C-alpha atoms as a PDB file:
ATOM      1  CA  UNK A   1       5.139 -10.672 -29.944  1.00  0.00           C
ATOM      2  CA  UNK A   2       7.403  -9.090 -27.374  1.00  0.00           C
ATOM      3  CA  UNK A   3       6.975  -5.374 -26.753  1.00  0.00           C
ATOM      4  CA  UNK A   4       9.782  -3.080 -25.587  1.00  0.00           C
ATOM      5  CA  UNK A   5       8.987   0.072 -23.659  1.00  0.00           C
ATOM      6  CA  UNK A   6      11.535   2.331 -22.014  1.00  0.00           C
ATOM      7  CA  UNK A   7      14.246  -0.188 -22.846  1.00  0.00           C
ATOM      8  CA  UNK A   8      12.600  -2.960 -20.817  1.00  0.00           C
ATOM      9  CA  UNK A   9      11.164  -6.152 -22.170  1.00  0.00           C
ATOM     10  CA  UNK A  10       7.481  -6.778 -21.454  1.00  0.00           C
ATOM     11  CA  UNK A  11       5.559  -9.969 -21.818  1.00  0.00           C
ATOM     12  CA  UNK A  12       3.423 -10.399 -24.892  1.00  0.00           C
ATOM     13  CA  UNK A  13       0.085  -8.637 -24.983  1.00  0.00           C
ATOM     14  CA  UNK A  14      -3.080 -10.711 -24.781  1.00  0.00           C
ATOM     15  CA  UNK A  15      -5.681 -10.891 -27.473  1.00  0.00           C
ATOM     16  CA  UNK A  16      -9.131  -9.694 -26.338  1.00  0.00           C
ATOM     17  CA  UNK A  17     -10.569 -13.217 -26.579  1.00  0.00           C
ATOM     18  CA  UNK A  18      -7.720 -14.724 -24.523  1.00  0.00           C
ATOM     19  CA  UNK A  19      -8.420 -15.405 -20.843  1.00  0.00           C
ATOM     20  CA  UNK A  20      -5.945 -14.463 -18.163  1.00  0.00           C
ATOM     21  CA  UNK A  21      -4.811 -17.407 -16.035  1.00  0.00           C
ATOM     22  CA  UNK A  22      -6.635 -17.653 -12.697  1.00  0.00           C
ATOM     23  CA  UNK A  23      -5.278 -18.755  -9.390  1.00  0.00           C
ATOM     24  CA  UNK A  24      -8.158 -20.694  -7.874  1.00  0.00           C
ATOM     25  CA  UNK A  25      -6.793 -23.874  -6.411  1.00  0.00           C
ATOM     26  CA  UNK A  26      -3.608 -23.744  -4.435  1.00  0.00           C
ATOM     27  CA  UNK A  27      -2.133 -26.899  -2.966  1.00  0.00           C
ATOM     28  CA  UNK A  28      -1.194 -26.956   0.717  1.00  0.00           C
ATOM     29  CA  UNK A  29       2.526 -27.162  -0.057  1.00  0.00           C
ATOM     30  CA  UNK A  30       2.328 -24.276  -2.511  1.00  0.00           C
ATOM     31  CA  UNK A  31       0.367 -22.156  -0.007  1.00  0.00           C
ATOM     32  CA  UNK A  32       3.063 -22.707   2.652  1.00  0.00           C
ATOM     33  CA  UNK A  33       5.732 -21.667   0.151  1.00  0.00           C
ATOM     34  CA  UNK A  34       3.746 -18.583  -0.880  1.00  0.00           C
ATOM     35  CA  UNK A  35       4.997 -15.262   0.460  1.00  0.00           C
ATOM     36  CA  UNK A  36       1.575 -13.677   0.896  1.00  0.00           C
ATOM     37  CA  UNK A  37      -1.292 -14.765   3.095  1.00  0.00           C
ATOM     38  CA  UNK A  38      -4.471 -14.408   1.039  1.00  0.00           C
ATOM     39  CA  UNK A  39      -7.650 -13.370   2.866  1.00  0.00           C
ATOM     40  CA  UNK A  40     -11.017 -13.259   1.082  1.00  0.00           C
ATOM     41  CA  UNK A  41     -13.677 -11.088   2.718  1.00  0.00           C
ATOM     42  CA  UNK A  42     -16.463  -8.556   2.116  1.00  0.00           C
ATOM     43  CA  UNK A  43     -15.099  -5.569   4.038  1.00  0.00           C
ATOM     44  CA  UNK A  44     -11.484  -5.096   3.035  1.00  0.00           C
ATOM     45  CA  UNK A  45     -10.685  -3.736   0.477  1.00  0.00           C
ATOM     46  CA  UNK A  46     -13.235  -0.973   0.466  1.00  0.00           C
ATOM     47  CA  UNK A  47     -14.739   1.022  -2.376  1.00  0.00           C
ATOM     48  CA  UNK A  48     -13.835   0.200  -5.959  1.00  0.00           C
ATOM     49  CA  UNK A  49     -10.655  -1.681  -5.088  1.00  0.00           C
ATOM     50  CA  UNK A  50     -10.552  -5.435  -5.661  1.00  0.00           C
ATOM     51  CA  UNK A  51      -7.414  -6.245  -3.667  1.00  0.00           C
ATOM     52  CA  UNK A  52      -5.331  -4.569  -0.979  1.00  0.00           C
ATOM     53  CA  UNK A  53      -1.908  -5.550   0.320  1.00  0.00           C
ATOM     54  CA  UNK A  54      -0.891  -4.754   3.885  1.00  0.00           C
ATOM     55  CA  UNK A  55       2.655  -6.017   4.436  1.00  0.00           C
ATOM     56  CA  UNK A  56       2.341  -9.799   3.908  1.00  0.00           C
ATOM     57  CA  UNK A  57      -1.474 -10.038   3.873  1.00  0.00           C
ATOM     58  CA  UNK A  58      -3.439  -9.797   0.645  1.00  0.00           C
ATOM     59  CA  UNK A  59      -7.090  -8.894   1.166  1.00  0.00           C
ATOM     60  CA  UNK A  60      -9.294  -9.798  -1.822  1.00  0.00           C
ATOM     61  CA  UNK A  61     -12.993  -9.009  -2.202  1.00  0.00           C
ATOM     62  CA  UNK A  62     -15.225 -12.046  -2.182  1.00  0.00           C
ATOM     63  CA  UNK A  63     -16.218 -13.056  -5.677  1.00  0.00           C
ATOM     64  CA  UNK A  64     -13.158 -11.521  -7.335  1.00  0.00           C
ATOM     65  CA  UNK A  65     -10.977 -13.886  -9.342  1.00  0.00           C
ATOM     66  CA  UNK A  66      -7.365 -13.656  -8.270  1.00  0.00           C
ATOM     67  CA  UNK A  67      -5.529 -13.574 -11.597  1.00  0.00           C
ATOM     68  CA  UNK A  68      -1.799 -14.015 -12.083  1.00  0.00           C
ATOM     69  CA  UNK A  69      -1.510 -10.345 -13.083  1.00  0.00           C
ATOM     70  CA  UNK A  70      -3.374  -9.122  -9.980  1.00  0.00           C
ATOM     71  CA  UNK A  71      -1.287 -11.364  -7.718  1.00  0.00           C
ATOM     72  CA  UNK A  72       1.934 -10.085  -9.299  1.00  0.00           C
ATOM     73  CA  UNK A  73       0.716  -6.480  -8.925  1.00  0.00           C
ATOM     74  CA  UNK A  74       0.066  -7.027  -5.224  1.00  0.00           C
ATOM     75  CA  UNK A  75       3.395  -8.829  -4.745  1.00  0.00           C
ATOM     76  CA  UNK A  76       5.118  -5.699  -6.048  1.00  0.00           C
ATOM     77  CA  UNK A  77       3.257  -3.674  -3.401  1.00  0.00           C
ATOM     78  CA  UNK A  78       4.303  -6.186  -0.733  1.00  0.00           C
ATOM     79  CA  UNK A  79       7.951  -5.810  -1.748  1.00  0.00           C
ATOM     80  CA  UNK A  80       7.645  -2.005  -1.668  1.00  0.00           C
ATOM     81  CA  UNK A  81       6.147  -2.076   1.824  1.00  0.00           C
ATOM     82  CA  UNK A  82       8.751  -4.499   3.171  1.00  0.00           C
ATOM     83  CA  UNK A  83      11.531  -2.265   1.790  1.00  0.00           C
ATOM     84  CA  UNK A  84      10.096   0.685   3.725  1.00  0.00           C
ATOM     85  CA  UNK A  85       9.805  -1.388   6.921  1.00  0.00           C
ATOM     86  CA  UNK A  86      13.418  -2.583   6.561  1.00  0.00           C
ATOM     87  CA  UNK A  87      14.738   0.964   6.121  1.00  0.00           C
ATOM     88  CA  UNK A  88      12.737   2.194   9.120  1.00  0.00           C
ATOM     89  CA  UNK A  89      14.015  -0.658  11.266  1.00  0.00           C
ATOM     90  CA  UNK A  90      17.624  -0.087  10.216  1.00  0.00           C
ATOM     91  CA  UNK A  91      17.276   3.643  10.855  1.00  0.00           C
ATOM     92  CA  UNK A  92      15.789   3.028  14.293  1.00  0.00           C
ATOM     93  CA  UNK A  93      18.534   0.556  15.230  1.00  0.00           C
ATOM     94  CA  UNK A  94      21.191   3.023  14.064  1.00  0.00           C
ATOM     95  CA  UNK A  95      19.554   5.850  16.038  1.00  0.00           C
ATOM     96  CA  UNK A  96      19.365   3.591  19.095  1.00  0.00           C
ATOM     97  CA  UNK A  97      23.034   2.606  18.890  1.00  0.00           C
ATOM     98  CA  UNK A  98      24.386   6.060  18.010  1.00  0.00           C
ATOM     99  CA  UNK A  99      22.128   8.417  19.938  1.00  0.00           C
ATOM    100  CA  UNK A 100      20.403   6.263  22.544  1.00  0.00           C
ATOM    101  CA  UNK A 101      16.936   6.682  21.032  1.00  0.00           C
ATOM    102  CA  UNK A 102      14.392   4.354  22.611  1.00  0.00           C
ATOM    103  CA  UNK A 103      14.102   0.973  20.923  1.00  0.00           C
ATOM    104  CA  UNK A 104      10.311   1.315  21.174  1.00  0.00           C
ATOM    105  CA  UNK A 105      10.516   3.476  18.050  1.00  0.00           C
ATOM    106  CA  UNK A 106      10.988   0.250  16.076  1.00  0.00           C
ATOM    107  CA  UNK A 107       7.239  -0.261  16.406  1.00  0.00           C
ATOM    108  CA  UNK A 108       6.799   2.784  14.154  1.00  0.00           C
ATOM    109  CA  UNK A 109       8.270   0.757  11.285  1.00  0.00           C
ATOM    110  CA  UNK A 110       5.061  -1.290  10.968  1.00  0.00           C
ATOM    111  CA  UNK A 111       2.645   1.557  10.035  1.00  0.00           C
ATOM    112  CA  UNK A 112       5.374   3.443   8.140  1.00  0.00           C
ATOM    113  CA  UNK A 113       4.537   1.983   4.688  1.00  0.00           C
ATOM    114  CA  UNK A 114       0.897   3.014   4.985  1.00  0.00           C
ATOM    115  CA  UNK A 115       1.903   6.517   6.088  1.00  0.00           C
ATOM    116  CA  UNK A 116       4.350   6.869   3.211  1.00  0.00           C
ATOM    117  CA  UNK A 117       1.772   5.516   0.721  1.00  0.00           C
ATOM    118  CA  UNK A 118      -0.731   8.083   2.018  1.00  0.00           C
ATOM    119  CA  UNK A 119       1.822  10.878   1.756  1.00  0.00           C
ATOM    120  CA  UNK A 120       2.617   9.862  -1.821  1.00  0.00           C
ATOM    121  CA  UNK A 121      -1.061  10.006  -2.829  1.00  0.00           C
ATOM    122  CA  UNK A 122      -1.546  13.311  -0.964  1.00  0.00           C
ATOM    123  CA  UNK A 123       1.312  14.857  -2.933  1.00  0.00           C
ATOM    124  CA  UNK A 124      -0.170  13.581  -6.204  1.00  0.00           C
ATOM    125  CA  UNK A 125      -3.535  15.157  -5.288  1.00  0.00           C
ATOM    126  CA  UNK A 126      -1.804  18.536  -5.443  1.00  0.00           C
ATOM    127  CA  UNK A 127      -0.485  17.876  -8.963  1.00  0.00           C
ATOM    128  CA  UNK A 128      -2.611  17.653 -12.122  1.00  0.00           C
ATOM    129  CA  UNK A 129      -4.331  15.491 -13.348  1.00  0.00           C
ATOM    130  CA  UNK A 130      -6.204  15.437 -10.064  1.00  0.00           C
ATOM    131  CA  UNK A 131      -8.484  12.502 -10.854  1.00  0.00           C
ATOM    132  CA  UNK A 132      -5.467  10.179 -11.319  1.00  0.00           C
ATOM    133  CA  UNK A 133      -3.767  10.907  -7.975  1.00  0.00           C
ATOM    134  CA  UNK A 134      -3.768   7.298  -6.765  1.00  0.00           C
ATOM    135  CA  UNK A 135      -2.754   5.856 -10.139  1.00  0.00           C
ATOM    136  CA  UNK A 136       0.070   8.364 -10.527  1.00  0.00           C
ATOM    137  CA  UNK A 137       1.674   7.693  -7.146  1.00  0.00           C
ATOM    138  CA  UNK A 138       5.166   6.264  -7.490  1.00  0.00           C
ATOM    139  CA  UNK A 139       4.188   2.986  -5.797  1.00  0.00           C
ATOM    140  CA  UNK A 140       1.181   2.343  -8.009  1.00  0.00           C
ATOM    141  CA  UNK A 141       3.094   3.385 -11.131  1.00  0.00           C
ATOM    142  CA  UNK A 142       5.813   0.813 -10.499  1.00  0.00           C
ATOM    143  CA  UNK A 143       3.215  -1.900  -9.832  1.00  0.00           C
ATOM    144  CA  UNK A 144       1.165  -1.053 -12.938  1.00  0.00           C
ATOM    145  CA  UNK A 145       4.185  -0.822 -15.192  1.00  0.00           C
ATOM    146  CA  UNK A 146       5.657  -4.165 -14.094  1.00  0.00           C
ATOM    147  CA  UNK A 147       2.590  -6.283 -13.254  1.00  0.00           C
ATOM    148  CA  UNK A 148       2.822  -8.114 -16.584  1.00  0.00           C
ATOM    149  CA  UNK A 149       6.355  -9.376 -15.889  1.00  0.00           C
ATOM    150  CA  UNK A 150       6.078 -12.521 -13.751  1.00  0.00           C
ATOM    151  CA  UNK A 151       9.811 -12.537 -13.027  1.00  0.00           C
ATOM    152  CA  UNK A 152       9.824  -8.961 -11.678  1.00  0.00           C
ATOM    153  CA  UNK A 153       9.265  -9.981  -8.059  1.00  0.00           C
ATOM    154  CA  UNK A 154      11.569 -12.988  -8.330  1.00  0.00           C
ATOM    155  CA  UNK A 155      14.503 -10.733  -9.288  1.00  0.00           C
ATOM    156  CA  UNK A 156      13.900  -8.414  -6.321  1.00  0.00           C
ATOM    157  CA  UNK A 157      17.569  -7.520  -5.802  1.00  0.00           C
ATOM    158  CA  UNK A 158      17.586  -5.787  -9.196  1.00  0.00           C
ATOM    159  CA  UNK A 159      14.616  -3.628  -8.262  1.00  0.00           C
ATOM    160  CA  UNK A 160      15.363  -2.521  -4.715  1.00  0.00           C
ATOM    161  CA  UNK A 161      13.717   0.870  -4.150  1.00  0.00           C
ATOM    162  CA  UNK A 162      12.751   1.093  -7.822  1.00  0.00           C
ATOM    163  CA  UNK A 163       9.668   3.082  -6.776  1.00  0.00           C
ATOM    164  CA  UNK A 164      11.980   6.026  -6.069  1.00  0.00           C
ATOM    165  CA  UNK A 165      12.727   6.289  -9.800  1.00  0.00           C
ATOM    166  CA  UNK A 166       8.997   6.683 -10.447  1.00  0.00           C
ATOM    167  CA  UNK A 167       8.528   9.686  -8.128  1.00  0.00           C
ATOM    168  CA  UNK A 168       9.093  12.409 -10.707  1.00  0.00           C
ATOM    169  CA  UNK A 169       8.276  10.357 -13.780  1.00  0.00           C
ATOM    170  CA  UNK A 170       4.928   8.786 -12.834  1.00  0.00           C
ATOM    171  CA  UNK A 171       2.966  10.602 -15.539  1.00  0.00           C
ATOM    172  CA  UNK A 172       5.571   9.790 -18.190  1.00  0.00           C
ATOM    173  CA  UNK A 173       5.682   6.048 -17.390  1.00  0.00           C
ATOM    174  CA  UNK A 174       1.910   5.506 -17.345  1.00  0.00           C
ATOM    175  CA  UNK A 175       0.903   7.799 -20.201  1.00  0.00           C
ATOM    176  CA  UNK A 176       1.366   5.009 -22.802  1.00  0.00           C
ATOM    177  CA  UNK A 177      -0.666   2.437 -20.881  1.00  0.00           C
ATOM    178  CA  UNK A 178      -4.277   2.082 -21.893  1.00  0.00           C
ATOM    179  CA  UNK A 179      -7.077   1.488 -19.401  1.00  0.00           C
ATOM    180  CA  UNK A 180      -7.125  -2.264 -20.077  1.00  0.00           C
ATOM    181  CA  UNK A 181      -3.475  -2.543 -19.018  1.00  0.00           C
ATOM    182  CA  UNK A 182      -3.909  -0.372 -15.931  1.00  0.00           C
END
């Protein structure tokens, strides 16, 4: 069955006994075509997280199965971060051409996504419910809401800066999702 929520079409829900497809073996050609560089290690990500995207690198904890849903979730984060980098670069180039600002400021575009992610979570910490600050950030809300749609990252031009629409509505969008879908 196909489920519609907020006017969007979601993929069918899985039965509890159904296994999610795993991405274990990737051919050399497919890995070259892949947008993300996948790194398995023990240190990053830290804490309770199983995967962490930093620009085009996906860090996965050793022993964690990289499912199609998790990969799609992290691809959404990669797209969000690259959008922020692109805007920062364009803004820096415009400031350089119009006002003579040093071109060295373009280096600030690289850590900008992490700073903006941190600011988003810090703002959510100030708003109730306090224990869901990370999950209610606009970036995480977009990724959670669309991680089940495999074509979401392929149709990127339709979703440019979609995370902005989730800023004020994060609690509304994720309130219907149960813990197994989050």
